[in-house]
Amino acid sequence: MKLNLPKTARLELDMTPMIDVTFQLLTFFMLVINFENTQADERVKLPRSALAKPPKVPAEDRLILNVGFNRDLEGTILSGPFCFYNGEQVTIAEMAPRLKREVETYRLFHPGEESVKTVVEIRSDGEVPTGLVQELIKHAQAARFEHFILKAEELVPP
């Protein structure tokens, strides 16, 4: 079916409502999203510390490792501890070859650099034994990582 419109008639759409809705959605998502916690894992309950302070300069290249437990809705530990890495639950001992692969990938994108400038950010549950966090750091050091950040929640005085 063909419409026979006069040659002088023009069909115009009012785009104002669509643009308005687009900007409202954009503003909504900018206000709601928290870029700091995009790689945070809800299974990790960070310890509280009065010494915890945000870094003065954010790291450009970070590897975030979440160490924690599988818990039920009440917070009871079901299994773990694990390192939650790329959607997998990996034991600390199994992290060694994965960290070496991370360094190999870094060297592919940064040929000729002597040291690995990636900062390893460890977000460990407060109930994870300190020895396991130290073991994870040793694996990362063996893989040639040099810079580390340990995350904790800032203790806010009442």
C-alpha atoms as a PDB file:
ATOM      1  CA  MET A   1       0.000   0.000   0.000  1.00  0.00           C
ATOM      2  CA  LYS A   2       1.422   3.302  -1.034  1.00  0.00           C
ATOM      3  CA  LEU A   3       0.574   6.614   0.619  1.00  0.00           C
ATOM      4  CA  ASN A   4      -0.122   9.441  -1.733  1.00  0.00           C
ATOM      5  CA  LEU A   5       0.994  12.478   0.215  1.00  0.00           C
ATOM      6  CA  PRO A   6       1.287  15.873  -1.357  1.00  0.00           C
ATOM      7  CA  LYS A   7       4.870  16.767  -2.165  1.00  0.00           C
ATOM      8  CA  THR A   8       4.749  19.705   0.241  1.00  0.00           C
ATOM      9  CA  ALA A   9       3.718  17.582   3.265  1.00  0.00           C
ATOM     10  CA  ARG A  10       6.505  16.560   5.647  1.00  0.00           C
ATOM     11  CA  LEU A  11       6.333  14.028   8.402  1.00  0.00           C
ATOM     12  CA  GLU A  12       8.215  15.242  11.504  1.00  0.00           C
ATOM     13  CA  LEU A  13       8.743  13.388  14.742  1.00  0.00           C
ATOM     14  CA  ASP A  14       9.138  15.265  17.995  1.00  0.00           C
ATOM     15  CA  MET A  15      12.347  13.769  19.477  1.00  0.00           C
ATOM     16  CA  THR A  16      12.238  15.884  22.660  1.00  0.00           C
ATOM     17  CA  PRO A  17      10.528  13.249  24.867  1.00  0.00           C
ATOM     18  CA  MET A  18      12.926  10.513  23.734  1.00  0.00           C
ATOM     19  CA  ILE A  19      15.983  12.701  24.409  1.00  0.00           C
ATOM     20  CA  ASP A  20      14.536  13.673  27.787  1.00  0.00           C
ATOM     21  CA  VAL A  21      14.039  10.038  28.823  1.00  0.00           C
ATOM     22  CA  THR A  22      17.546   9.145  27.596  1.00  0.00           C
ATOM     23  CA  PHE A  23      19.149  11.858  29.714  1.00  0.00           C
ATOM     24  CA  GLN A  24      17.072  10.850  32.731  1.00  0.00           C
ATOM     25  CA  LEU A  25      18.219   7.230  32.396  1.00  0.00           C
ATOM     26  CA  LEU A  26      21.817   8.313  31.942  1.00  0.00           C
ATOM     27  CA  THR A  27      21.636  10.515  35.041  1.00  0.00           C
ATOM     28  CA  PHE A  28      19.990   7.732  37.054  1.00  0.00           C
ATOM     29  CA  PHE A  29      22.715   5.195  36.244  1.00  0.00           C
ATOM     30  CA  MET A  30      25.498   7.705  36.896  1.00  0.00           C
ATOM     31  CA  LEU A  31      24.093   8.340  40.371  1.00  0.00           C
ATOM     32  CA  VAL A  32      23.418   4.687  41.213  1.00  0.00           C
ATOM     33  CA  ILE A  33      26.564   2.911  40.034  1.00  0.00           C
ATOM     34  CA  ASN A  34      29.504   2.681  42.413  1.00  0.00           C
ATOM     35  CA  PHE A  35      32.654   2.292  40.336  1.00  0.00           C
ATOM     36  CA  GLU A  36      34.814   1.512  43.396  1.00  0.00           C
ATOM     37  CA  ASN A  37      32.893  -1.645  44.201  1.00  0.00           C
ATOM     38  CA  THR A  38      32.346  -2.980  40.690  1.00  0.00           C
ATOM     39  CA  GLN A  39      34.855  -5.759  41.333  1.00  0.00           C
ATOM     40  CA  ALA A  40      33.935  -6.264  44.965  1.00  0.00           C
ATOM     41  CA  ASP A  41      32.518  -9.632  45.932  1.00  0.00           C
ATOM     42  CA  GLU A  42      29.587  -9.649  48.349  1.00  0.00           C
ATOM     43  CA  ARG A  43      30.860 -12.884  49.904  1.00  0.00           C
ATOM     44  CA  VAL A  44      33.860 -10.979  51.317  1.00  0.00           C
ATOM     45  CA  LYS A  45      33.229  -9.147  54.582  1.00  0.00           C
ATOM     46  CA  LEU A  46      36.139  -6.744  54.998  1.00  0.00           C
ATOM     47  CA  PRO A  47      37.624  -6.265  58.456  1.00  0.00           C
ATOM     48  CA  ARG A  48      37.214  -2.879  60.109  1.00  0.00           C
ATOM     49  CA  SER A  49      40.276  -0.818  60.915  1.00  0.00           C
ATOM     50  CA  ALA A  50      40.897   2.666  62.258  1.00  0.00           C
ATOM     51  CA  LEU A  51      44.040   2.803  60.080  1.00  0.00           C
ATOM     52  CA  ALA A  52      42.211   2.064  56.803  1.00  0.00           C
ATOM     53  CA  LYS A  53      42.463   5.034  54.462  1.00  0.00           C
ATOM     54  CA  PRO A  54      41.721   5.296  50.741  1.00  0.00           C
ATOM     55  CA  PRO A  55      44.822   5.508  48.535  1.00  0.00           C
ATOM     56  CA  LYS A  56      45.890   9.036  47.633  1.00  0.00           C
ATOM     57  CA  VAL A  57      46.480   8.103  44.002  1.00  0.00           C
ATOM     58  CA  PRO A  58      44.308   5.390  42.441  1.00  0.00           C
ATOM     59  CA  ALA A  59      46.246   2.599  40.764  1.00  0.00           C
ATOM     60  CA  GLU A  60      45.902   2.613  36.991  1.00  0.00           C
ATOM     61  CA  ASP A  61      46.467  -1.099  36.486  1.00  0.00           C
ATOM     62  CA  ARG A  62      44.979  -3.271  39.252  1.00  0.00           C
ATOM     63  CA  LEU A  63      44.425  -6.958  39.806  1.00  0.00           C
ATOM     64  CA  ILE A  64      41.691  -7.347  42.413  1.00  0.00           C
ATOM     65  CA  LEU A  65      41.660 -10.602  44.380  1.00  0.00           C
ATOM     66  CA  ASN A  66      38.663 -11.272  46.641  1.00  0.00           C
ATOM     67  CA  VAL A  67      39.343 -13.853  49.372  1.00  0.00           C
ATOM     68  CA  GLY A  68      36.405 -15.106  51.384  1.00  0.00           C
ATOM     69  CA  PHE A  69      33.917 -17.838  52.178  1.00  0.00           C
ATOM     70  CA  ASN A  70      30.667 -19.210  50.833  1.00  0.00           C
ATOM     71  CA  ARG A  71      28.062 -18.168  53.392  1.00  0.00           C
ATOM     72  CA  ASP A  72      24.351 -18.744  53.868  1.00  0.00           C
ATOM     73  CA  LEU A  73      21.842 -15.903  54.261  1.00  0.00           C
ATOM     74  CA  GLU A  74      22.539 -15.651  58.008  1.00  0.00           C
ATOM     75  CA  GLY A  75      26.273 -15.250  57.380  1.00  0.00           C
ATOM     76  CA  THR A  76      27.305 -18.726  58.542  1.00  0.00           C
ATOM     77  CA  ILE A  77      30.364 -20.054  56.724  1.00  0.00           C
ATOM     78  CA  LEU A  78      29.486 -22.990  54.464  1.00  0.00           C
ATOM     79  CA  SER A  79      32.849 -23.562  52.755  1.00  0.00           C
ATOM     80  CA  GLY A  80      36.116 -21.873  52.024  1.00  0.00           C
ATOM     81  CA  PRO A  81      38.199 -19.864  52.161  1.00  0.00           C
ATOM     82  CA  PHE A  82      38.499 -19.318  48.438  1.00  0.00           C
ATOM     83  CA  CYS A  83      39.930 -16.718  46.144  1.00  0.00           C
ATOM     84  CA  PHE A  84      37.064 -15.609  43.905  1.00  0.00           C
ATOM     85  CA  TYR A  85      38.884 -15.199  40.588  1.00  0.00           C
ATOM     86  CA  ASN A  86      37.278 -14.799  37.156  1.00  0.00           C
ATOM     87  CA  GLY A  87      33.979 -16.217  38.394  1.00  0.00           C
ATOM     88  CA  GLU A  88      35.650 -19.287  39.902  1.00  0.00           C
ATOM     89  CA  GLN A  89      36.267 -20.367  43.487  1.00  0.00           C
ATOM     90  CA  VAL A  90      39.967 -21.132  43.612  1.00  0.00           C
ATOM     91  CA  THR A  91      42.016 -22.265  46.605  1.00  0.00           C
ATOM     92  CA  ILE A  92      45.002 -20.127  47.565  1.00  0.00           C
ATOM     93  CA  ALA A  93      47.409 -22.866  46.423  1.00  0.00           C
ATOM     94  CA  GLU A  94      45.710 -22.993  42.989  1.00  0.00           C
ATOM     95  CA  MET A  95      46.271 -19.249  42.522  1.00  0.00           C
ATOM     96  CA  ALA A  96      50.025 -19.603  41.797  1.00  0.00           C
ATOM     97  CA  PRO A  97      49.712 -20.647  38.114  1.00  0.00           C
ATOM     98  CA  ARG A  98      46.905 -18.149  37.543  1.00  0.00           C
ATOM     99  CA  LEU A  99      49.041 -15.304  38.864  1.00  0.00           C
ATOM    100  CA  LYS A 100      51.884 -16.382  36.566  1.00  0.00           C
ATOM    101  CA  ARG A 101      49.459 -16.215  33.623  1.00  0.00           C
ATOM    102  CA  GLU A 102      48.475 -12.694  34.708  1.00  0.00           C
ATOM    103  CA  VAL A 103      52.150 -11.657  34.548  1.00  0.00           C
ATOM    104  CA  GLU A 104      52.584 -13.300  31.128  1.00  0.00           C
ATOM    105  CA  THR A 105      49.541 -11.371  29.877  1.00  0.00           C
ATOM    106  CA  TYR A 106      50.961  -8.145  31.333  1.00  0.00           C
ATOM    107  CA  ARG A 107      54.268  -8.721  29.522  1.00  0.00           C
ATOM    108  CA  LEU A 108      52.423  -9.226  26.216  1.00  0.00           C
ATOM    109  CA  PHE A 109      50.892  -5.757  26.521  1.00  0.00           C
ATOM    110  CA  HIS A 110      54.002  -4.115  28.014  1.00  0.00           C
ATOM    111  CA  PRO A 111      57.007  -5.590  26.171  1.00  0.00           C
ATOM    112  CA  GLY A 112      60.428  -4.540  27.377  1.00  0.00           C
ATOM    113  CA  GLU A 113      59.355  -3.478  30.868  1.00  0.00           C
ATOM    114  CA  GLU A 114      61.502  -4.984  33.595  1.00  0.00           C
ATOM    115  CA  SER A 115      59.023  -4.868  36.473  1.00  0.00           C
ATOM    116  CA  VAL A 116      55.306  -5.532  36.599  1.00  0.00           C
ATOM    117  CA  LYS A 117      53.557  -2.286  37.479  1.00  0.00           C
ATOM    118  CA  THR A 118      50.193  -3.917  38.178  1.00  0.00           C
ATOM    119  CA  VAL A 119      49.027  -3.367  41.749  1.00  0.00           C
ATOM    120  CA  VAL A 120      47.569  -6.462  43.413  1.00  0.00           C
ATOM    121  CA  GLU A 121      44.612  -5.381  45.549  1.00  0.00           C
ATOM    122  CA  ILE A 122      43.669  -8.047  48.071  1.00  0.00           C
ATOM    123  CA  ARG A 123      40.189  -7.802  49.571  1.00  0.00           C
ATOM    124  CA  SER A 124      40.149 -10.455  52.261  1.00  0.00           C
ATOM    125  CA  ASP A 125      37.276 -11.440  54.547  1.00  0.00           C
ATOM    126  CA  GLY A 126      37.996 -10.571  58.172  1.00  0.00           C
ATOM    127  CA  GLU A 127      37.688 -14.236  59.159  1.00  0.00           C
ATOM    128  CA  VAL A 128      40.278 -15.531  56.678  1.00  0.00           C
ATOM    129  CA  PRO A 129      43.411 -16.634  58.549  1.00  0.00           C
ATOM    130  CA  THR A 130      46.267 -14.163  58.114  1.00  0.00           C
ATOM    131  CA  GLY A 131      48.574 -16.986  57.027  1.00  0.00           C
ATOM    132  CA  LEU A 132      46.453 -17.616  53.924  1.00  0.00           C
ATOM    133  CA  VAL A 133      46.645 -13.958  52.913  1.00  0.00           C
ATOM    134  CA  GLN A 134      50.424 -14.105  53.396  1.00  0.00           C
ATOM    135  CA  GLU A 135      50.538 -17.260  51.260  1.00  0.00           C
ATOM    136  CA  LEU A 136      48.623 -15.463  48.499  1.00  0.00           C
ATOM    137  CA  ILE A 137      51.095 -12.568  48.665  1.00  0.00           C
ATOM    138  CA  LYS A 138      54.011 -15.052  48.426  1.00  0.00           C
ATOM    139  CA  HIS A 139      52.460 -16.620  45.304  1.00  0.00           C
ATOM    140  CA  ALA A 140      52.051 -13.150  43.785  1.00  0.00           C
ATOM    141  CA  GLN A 141      55.651 -12.225  44.631  1.00  0.00           C
ATOM    142  CA  ALA A 142      56.884 -15.491  43.095  1.00  0.00           C
ATOM    143  CA  ALA A 143      54.963 -14.544  39.940  1.00  0.00           C
ATOM    144  CA  ARG A 144      56.906 -11.189  39.954  1.00  0.00           C
ATOM    145  CA  PHE A 145      54.253  -8.815  41.330  1.00  0.00           C
ATOM    146  CA  GLU A 146      55.783  -6.074  43.494  1.00  0.00           C
ATOM    147  CA  HIS A 147      52.998  -3.703  44.552  1.00  0.00           C
ATOM    148  CA  PHE A 148      50.195  -4.663  46.936  1.00  0.00           C
ATOM    149  CA  ILE A 149      47.186  -3.040  48.595  1.00  0.00           C
ATOM    150  CA  LEU A 150      45.267  -4.727  51.415  1.00  0.00           C
ATOM    151  CA  LYS A 151      41.674  -3.550  51.725  1.00  0.00           C
ATOM    152  CA  ALA A 152      39.761  -2.966  54.960  1.00  0.00           C
ATOM    153  CA  GLU A 153      36.714  -0.916  55.882  1.00  0.00           C
ATOM    154  CA  GLU A 154      37.429   2.334  57.661  1.00  0.00           C
ATOM    155  CA  LEU A 155      36.286   2.171  61.273  1.00  0.00           C
ATOM    156  CA  VAL A 156      34.065   5.181  61.831  1.00  0.00           C
ATOM    157  CA  PRO A 157      34.060   6.355  65.459  1.00  0.00           C
ATOM    158  CA  PRO A 158      30.562   6.693  67.000  1.00  0.00           C
END
